[in-house]
């Protein structure tokens, strides 16, 4: 059994716990939290809940530690620090900072003889793999990534920070015409506004100015100003009834040409439709935790990404089973 620890017990941590239950070669040993452990209720009756400050006491009891904190402030410090004591997997998703994060985790993991796998999930993660495979197969081509329809947690948080907003959810939606042009092999040049729209469902505080809130949302730089954005004002009851989930998904498409005169067009498309963004992300992370365990058993160390790991390391099936049933 692969002994797993979870650091952080929010949506992602709970998803990891559920995913472990579905993998017979794994067991959850402990959940580590910065909250009062006595007030954190988990689902696994056999696992401990411990204070994150005491995590070093568990060095010899856990095979792989899964880090479930946020990319903005938690993981840049946590993952390198934890890689000094454990084999680790995280879901760091700030694309521009991945090279820097890789270097930090690589240095810590190599010094400690540990394996660290970073930026695991669906984007970065599964979408990254599909972009890489498609680029290798169709070198003469163009990539397109569309996200949604789904809830953007970061954009939803940005809405909730606006004065006068009590609660809110934001959906990212691909533009149908742009998707159709890409799928037709037209290789369009698309602006940010042409690829996605944003739809917001907002609950106002009593007495808030709806027009002012809508204007502030639509002009918010880095979040909404570059998109066609629709704002709906609804009741708190309607938000809870119709927008309480965290669905997401998207498409990775590469359109490429082959032939001596580039006369043939090929489309590679990978798509996801997810009822729960964090639960699906958790399932990907747990598969890569198995890979971390196997790489460590081979004596490897240092930081890895999804690009560095052979698919067979992710599966609970043996090589013989994979060749017989999936190849």
Protein backbone atom coordinates (compact mmCIF):
# COMPACT_ATOMS: atom_id res chain seq x y z
CA UNK A 1 0.00 0.00 0.00
CA UNK A 2 1.18 3.50 -0.88
CA UNK A 3 0.81 5.64 2.23
CA UNK A 4 -0.50 9.11 1.37
CA UNK A 5 -0.59 12.33 3.37
CA UNK A 6 -2.66 15.40 2.45
CA UNK A 7 -1.55 18.93 3.33
CA UNK A 8 -4.58 21.24 3.25
CA UNK A 9 -8.20 20.18 3.47
CA UNK A 10 -10.24 22.45 1.23
CA UNK A 11 -12.05 21.45 -1.97
CA UNK A 12 -8.91 19.88 -3.44
CA UNK A 13 -7.93 18.05 -0.25
CA UNK A 14 -11.40 16.55 0.08
CA UNK A 15 -11.24 15.51 -3.57
CA UNK A 16 -7.91 13.77 -3.00
CA UNK A 17 -9.38 11.89 -0.06
CA UNK A 18 -12.24 10.64 -2.24
CA UNK A 19 -9.83 9.65 -5.05
CA UNK A 20 -7.66 7.62 -2.67
CA UNK A 21 -10.75 5.59 -1.74
CA UNK A 22 -11.03 4.50 -5.41
CA UNK A 23 -7.42 3.29 -5.62
CA UNK A 24 -6.90 -0.07 -3.93
CA UNK A 25 -3.12 0.27 -3.74
CA UNK A 26 -3.29 3.46 -1.64
CA UNK A 27 -4.30 4.45 1.87
CA UNK A 28 -4.72 7.85 3.49
CA UNK A 29 -2.55 8.05 6.59
CA UNK A 30 -3.03 11.65 7.71
CA UNK A 31 -4.50 15.02 6.80
CA UNK A 32 -2.46 18.05 7.89
CA UNK A 33 -4.23 21.34 8.50
CA UNK A 34 -3.41 24.85 9.72
CA UNK A 35 -6.80 24.92 11.44
CA UNK A 36 -7.54 23.34 14.80
CA UNK A 37 -7.31 19.58 14.01
CA UNK A 38 -10.07 18.89 16.51
CA UNK A 39 -12.49 20.92 14.39
CA UNK A 40 -11.65 19.30 11.03
CA UNK A 41 -13.91 16.37 10.14
CA UNK A 42 -12.61 14.05 7.41
CA UNK A 43 -14.31 11.08 5.74
CA UNK A 44 -11.64 8.41 6.29
CA UNK A 45 -12.13 6.87 9.70
CA UNK A 46 -8.69 5.24 9.79
CA UNK A 47 -6.71 8.41 9.02
CA UNK A 48 -5.39 10.97 11.49
CA UNK A 49 -5.93 14.73 11.43
CA UNK A 50 -2.78 16.56 12.55
CA UNK A 51 -1.51 20.09 12.85
CA UNK A 52 0.55 21.18 9.85
CA UNK A 53 3.18 22.47 12.28
CA UNK A 54 3.83 18.86 13.37
CA UNK A 55 4.26 17.43 9.88
CA UNK A 56 7.98 16.65 10.36
CA UNK A 57 6.98 14.02 12.93
CA UNK A 58 5.42 12.00 10.09
CA UNK A 59 8.50 11.76 7.84
CA UNK A 60 8.80 7.98 8.18
CA UNK A 61 5.06 7.24 8.08
CA UNK A 62 4.14 8.69 4.67
CA UNK A 63 5.30 7.65 1.21
CA UNK A 64 3.92 10.60 -0.77
CA UNK A 65 2.63 13.94 0.50
CA UNK A 66 0.01 15.64 -1.69
CA UNK A 67 -0.04 19.42 -1.33
CA UNK A 68 -3.49 20.95 -1.71
CA UNK A 69 -2.79 24.63 -1.07
CA UNK A 70 -3.13 27.54 -3.44
CA UNK A 71 -0.64 28.52 -6.11
CA UNK A 72 -0.52 32.21 -5.20
CA UNK A 73 0.86 32.04 -1.67
CA UNK A 74 0.99 28.42 -0.42
CA UNK A 75 2.76 26.19 -2.93
CA UNK A 76 5.76 28.38 -3.88
CA UNK A 77 7.05 27.99 -0.32
CA UNK A 78 5.42 24.77 0.78
CA UNK A 79 6.44 22.42 -2.02
CA UNK A 80 10.22 23.06 -1.81
CA UNK A 81 10.03 22.92 2.00
CA UNK A 82 8.06 19.66 2.04
CA UNK A 83 10.35 18.13 -0.61
CA UNK A 84 13.11 18.22 2.01
CA UNK A 85 11.16 15.58 3.99
CA UNK A 86 8.73 13.79 1.62
CA UNK A 87 8.14 12.74 -1.95
CA UNK A 88 5.61 15.37 -3.03
CA UNK A 89 2.99 16.16 -5.67
CA UNK A 90 1.36 19.57 -6.16
CA UNK A 91 -1.03 21.31 -8.59
CA UNK A 92 0.86 24.60 -9.03
CA UNK A 93 -0.97 26.34 -11.87
CA UNK A 94 0.58 29.78 -12.31
CA UNK A 95 1.87 29.02 -15.82
CA UNK A 96 4.34 31.90 -16.03
CA UNK A 97 6.07 30.88 -12.79
CA UNK A 98 6.37 27.14 -13.45
CA UNK A 99 10.06 27.31 -14.51
CA UNK A 100 10.93 29.15 -11.30
CA UNK A 101 8.87 26.77 -9.16
CA UNK A 102 10.47 23.77 -10.90
CA UNK A 103 13.96 25.06 -10.09
CA UNK A 104 13.11 25.61 -6.42
CA UNK A 105 11.55 22.16 -5.97
CA UNK A 106 14.30 20.46 -7.99
CA UNK A 107 17.05 21.86 -5.79
CA UNK A 108 15.28 20.86 -2.57
CA UNK A 109 14.27 17.40 -3.76
CA UNK A 110 17.68 16.50 -5.16
CA UNK A 111 19.43 17.59 -1.96
CA UNK A 112 17.09 15.38 0.08
CA UNK A 113 16.96 12.44 -2.34
CA UNK A 114 13.23 12.94 -2.88
CA UNK A 115 10.93 13.02 -5.91
CA UNK A 116 8.75 16.10 -6.50
CA UNK A 117 6.10 16.25 -9.22
CA UNK A 118 4.65 19.71 -9.83
CA UNK A 119 1.83 21.32 -11.81
CA UNK A 120 -0.36 18.22 -11.91
CA UNK A 121 -4.02 18.56 -12.86
CA UNK A 122 -5.85 19.19 -16.10
CA UNK A 123 -4.33 22.52 -17.10
CA UNK A 124 -1.46 22.42 -16.43
CA UNK A 125 -1.38 18.63 -16.56
CA UNK A 126 -3.53 16.64 -18.96
CA UNK A 127 -3.96 19.59 -21.33
CA UNK A 128 -0.18 20.09 -21.28
CA UNK A 129 0.42 16.46 -22.27
CA UNK A 130 -2.04 16.69 -25.13
CA UNK A 131 -0.46 19.91 -26.40
CA UNK A 132 2.95 18.23 -26.31
CA UNK A 133 1.82 15.03 -28.06
CA UNK A 134 0.02 17.03 -30.76
CA UNK A 135 3.04 19.29 -31.35
CA UNK A 136 5.32 16.27 -31.71
CA UNK A 137 2.95 14.55 -34.14
CA UNK A 138 2.02 17.62 -36.22
CA UNK A 139 5.06 19.93 -36.14
CA UNK A 140 3.53 22.10 -38.86
CA UNK A 141 0.43 23.33 -37.11
CA UNK A 142 -1.19 25.61 -34.57
CA UNK A 143 -2.44 25.13 -31.00
CA UNK A 144 -5.72 26.33 -29.54
CA UNK A 145 -6.91 25.97 -25.97
CA UNK A 146 -10.47 26.78 -24.94
CA UNK A 147 -11.67 26.66 -21.32
CA UNK A 148 -15.25 26.10 -20.21
CA UNK A 149 -18.06 26.24 -19.93
CA UNK A 150 -17.09 26.29 -16.29
CA UNK A 151 -16.63 28.18 -13.07
CA UNK A 152 -13.41 30.18 -12.80
CA UNK A 153 -12.64 30.23 -9.08
CA UNK A 154 -10.13 33.07 -9.40
CA UNK A 155 -12.53 35.28 -11.35
CA UNK A 156 -15.36 34.44 -8.95
CA UNK A 157 -13.14 35.54 -6.07
CA UNK A 158 -12.38 38.78 -7.92
CA UNK A 159 -16.11 39.52 -8.18
CA UNK A 160 -16.62 38.88 -4.48
CA UNK A 161 -13.91 41.42 -3.60
CA UNK A 162 -15.93 44.26 -5.17
CA UNK A 163 -17.64 46.55 -2.70
CA UNK A 164 -21.38 45.87 -2.63
CA UNK A 165 -21.09 42.22 -3.72
CA UNK A 166 -22.30 39.65 -1.20
CA UNK A 167 -21.55 36.58 -3.34
CA UNK A 168 -20.96 35.63 -6.94
CA UNK A 169 -19.92 33.04 -9.50
CA UNK A 170 -18.27 33.57 -12.89
CA UNK A 171 -18.41 31.19 -15.85
CA UNK A 172 -15.88 31.12 -18.68
CA UNK A 173 -17.55 30.16 -21.98
CA UNK A 174 -15.87 29.35 -25.33
CA UNK A 175 -17.18 31.31 -28.32
CA UNK A 176 -18.94 28.81 -30.60
CA UNK A 177 -17.87 30.53 -33.82
CA UNK A 178 -14.20 30.43 -32.81
CA UNK A 179 -14.42 26.75 -31.89
CA UNK A 180 -16.11 25.95 -35.20
CA UNK A 181 -13.43 27.78 -37.21
CA UNK A 182 -10.64 25.90 -35.42
CA UNK A 183 -12.35 22.54 -35.87
CA UNK A 184 -12.77 23.29 -39.57
CA UNK A 185 -9.00 23.65 -39.93
CA UNK A 186 -9.15 27.35 -40.79
CA UNK A 187 -6.29 28.21 -38.37
CA UNK A 188 -7.82 31.56 -37.39
CA UNK A 189 -5.90 34.26 -35.56
CA UNK A 190 -8.06 34.84 -32.50
CA UNK A 191 -7.96 37.65 -29.97
CA UNK A 192 -8.73 37.07 -26.31
CA UNK A 193 -12.21 38.54 -26.81
CA UNK A 194 -12.90 36.27 -29.80
CA UNK A 195 -12.10 33.05 -27.92
CA UNK A 196 -14.09 33.33 -24.68
CA UNK A 197 -16.93 35.24 -23.06
CA UNK A 198 -17.55 35.64 -19.33
CA UNK A 199 -20.89 35.36 -17.56
CA UNK A 200 -21.33 36.55 -13.97
CA UNK A 201 -24.07 35.78 -11.47
CA UNK A 202 -23.97 38.29 -8.62
CA UNK A 203 -25.76 38.67 -5.29
CA UNK A 204 -25.71 42.28 -4.10
CA UNK A 205 -25.49 43.57 -0.56
CA UNK A 206 -28.58 45.47 0.57
CA UNK A 207 -28.52 48.97 -0.88
CA UNK A 208 -25.66 48.32 -3.30
CA UNK A 209 -25.62 50.17 -6.63
CA UNK A 210 -26.11 47.50 -9.33
CA UNK A 211 -24.98 49.75 -12.19
CA UNK A 212 -21.78 50.68 -10.35
CA UNK A 213 -21.00 47.03 -9.55
CA UNK A 214 -21.63 45.97 -13.15
CA UNK A 215 -19.34 48.71 -14.47
CA UNK A 216 -16.61 47.75 -12.03
CA UNK A 217 -16.80 44.10 -13.08
CA UNK A 218 -16.76 44.79 -16.81
CA UNK A 219 -13.78 47.18 -16.61
CA UNK A 220 -11.66 45.13 -14.20
CA UNK A 221 -8.18 44.77 -15.78
CA UNK A 222 -6.64 41.29 -16.12
CA UNK A 223 -10.02 39.70 -15.39
CA UNK A 224 -12.92 41.09 -17.45
CA UNK A 225 -11.89 44.15 -19.45
CA UNK A 226 -10.61 42.10 -22.42
CA UNK A 227 -13.78 40.00 -22.67
CA UNK A 228 -17.43 40.42 -23.59
CA UNK A 229 -18.93 40.08 -20.12
CA UNK A 230 -22.56 39.62 -19.08
CA UNK A 231 -23.63 40.34 -15.50
CA UNK A 232 -26.82 38.89 -13.97
CA UNK A 233 -28.05 40.05 -10.57
CA UNK A 234 -29.84 37.25 -8.73
CA UNK A 235 -30.96 36.33 -5.23
CA UNK A 236 -28.82 34.45 -2.74
CA UNK A 237 -31.31 31.56 -2.88
CA UNK A 238 -31.01 31.34 -6.68
CA UNK A 239 -27.22 31.36 -6.50
CA UNK A 240 -27.24 28.48 -3.99
CA UNK A 241 -29.85 26.52 -5.95
CA UNK A 242 -28.39 26.89 -9.45
CA UNK A 243 -24.70 27.79 -9.06
CA UNK A 244 -23.36 25.89 -6.05
CA UNK A 245 -21.21 23.45 -8.05
CA UNK A 246 -17.71 23.88 -9.49
CA UNK A 247 -18.00 22.45 -13.02
CA UNK A 248 -15.38 23.10 -15.68
CA UNK A 249 -13.70 21.63 -18.72
CA UNK A 250 -12.41 22.67 -22.09
CA UNK A 251 -10.71 21.72 -25.33
CA UNK A 252 -7.14 21.41 -26.57
CA UNK A 253 -7.00 21.43 -30.35
CA UNK A 254 -4.11 21.31 -32.81
CA UNK A 255 -4.68 21.86 -36.49
CA UNK A 256 -1.80 20.71 -38.69
CA UNK A 257 -0.78 20.05 -42.26
CA UNK A 258 0.97 17.04 -43.82
CA UNK A 259 2.02 16.01 -47.31
CA UNK A 260 4.78 17.20 -49.60
CA UNK A 261 2.69 20.20 -50.62
CA UNK A 262 0.93 20.39 -47.24
CA UNK A 263 -2.25 19.34 -48.98
CA UNK A 264 -3.87 17.47 -46.07
CA UNK A 265 -5.29 18.93 -42.88
CA UNK A 266 -5.52 17.05 -39.58
CA UNK A 267 -7.27 18.02 -36.34
CA UNK A 268 -6.30 16.58 -32.96
CA UNK A 269 -8.79 17.39 -30.21
CA UNK A 270 -8.87 16.51 -26.51
CA UNK A 271 -11.81 17.62 -24.42
CA UNK A 272 -12.99 17.48 -20.82
CA UNK A 273 -16.43 18.05 -19.33
CA UNK A 274 -16.19 18.05 -15.54
CA UNK A 275 -18.94 18.14 -12.93
CA UNK A 276 -16.31 19.01 -10.31
CA UNK A 277 -13.09 20.77 -11.20
CA UNK A 278 -11.34 19.99 -7.86
CA UNK A 279 -12.44 16.34 -7.78
CA UNK A 280 -11.14 15.66 -11.29
CA UNK A 281 -7.90 17.51 -10.53
CA UNK A 282 -7.58 15.34 -7.41
CA UNK A 283 -7.89 12.16 -9.47
CA UNK A 284 -5.05 13.27 -11.74
CA UNK A 285 -2.88 14.14 -8.72
CA UNK A 286 -3.46 10.76 -7.10
CA UNK A 287 -2.38 8.92 -10.25
CA UNK A 288 0.84 10.95 -10.29
CA UNK A 289 1.38 10.20 -6.60
CA UNK A 290 1.66 6.57 -7.67
CA UNK A 291 4.26 7.62 -10.23
CA UNK A 292 6.22 9.52 -7.56
CA UNK A 293 6.26 6.40 -5.38
CA UNK A 294 7.50 4.21 -8.25
CA UNK A 295 10.17 6.68 -9.37
CA UNK A 296 11.43 6.90 -5.79
CA UNK A 297 11.57 3.10 -5.57
CA UNK A 298 13.87 3.18 -8.60
CA UNK A 299 16.18 5.61 -6.81
CA UNK A 300 15.26 8.71 -8.80
CA UNK A 301 15.15 12.17 -7.25
CA UNK A 302 14.53 15.79 -8.19
CA UNK A 303 11.60 17.62 -9.72
CA UNK A 304 9.46 16.17 -12.52
CA UNK A 305 6.51 17.40 -14.56
CA UNK A 306 3.90 15.45 -16.49
CA UNK A 307 6.24 15.55 -19.50
CA UNK A 308 8.88 13.47 -17.72
CA UNK A 309 6.80 10.50 -16.62
CA UNK A 310 5.92 7.47 -18.74
CA UNK A 311 2.18 6.69 -18.76
CA UNK A 312 2.64 3.20 -17.31
CA UNK A 313 3.86 4.73 -14.03
CA UNK A 314 0.39 6.23 -13.49
CA UNK A 315 -1.58 3.01 -13.69
CA UNK A 316 -2.24 0.48 -10.95
CA UNK A 317 -2.20 -2.20 -13.66
CA UNK A 318 0.98 -4.12 -14.44
CA UNK A 319 2.80 -3.80 -17.74
CA UNK A 320 1.41 -7.18 -18.79
CA UNK A 321 -2.16 -6.06 -18.04
CA UNK A 322 -1.72 -2.79 -19.88
CA UNK A 323 -0.33 -4.52 -22.97
CA UNK A 324 -3.15 -7.09 -22.93
CA UNK A 325 -6.09 -4.73 -22.40
CA UNK A 326 -5.24 -1.12 -23.29
CA UNK A 327 -2.58 -1.30 -26.02
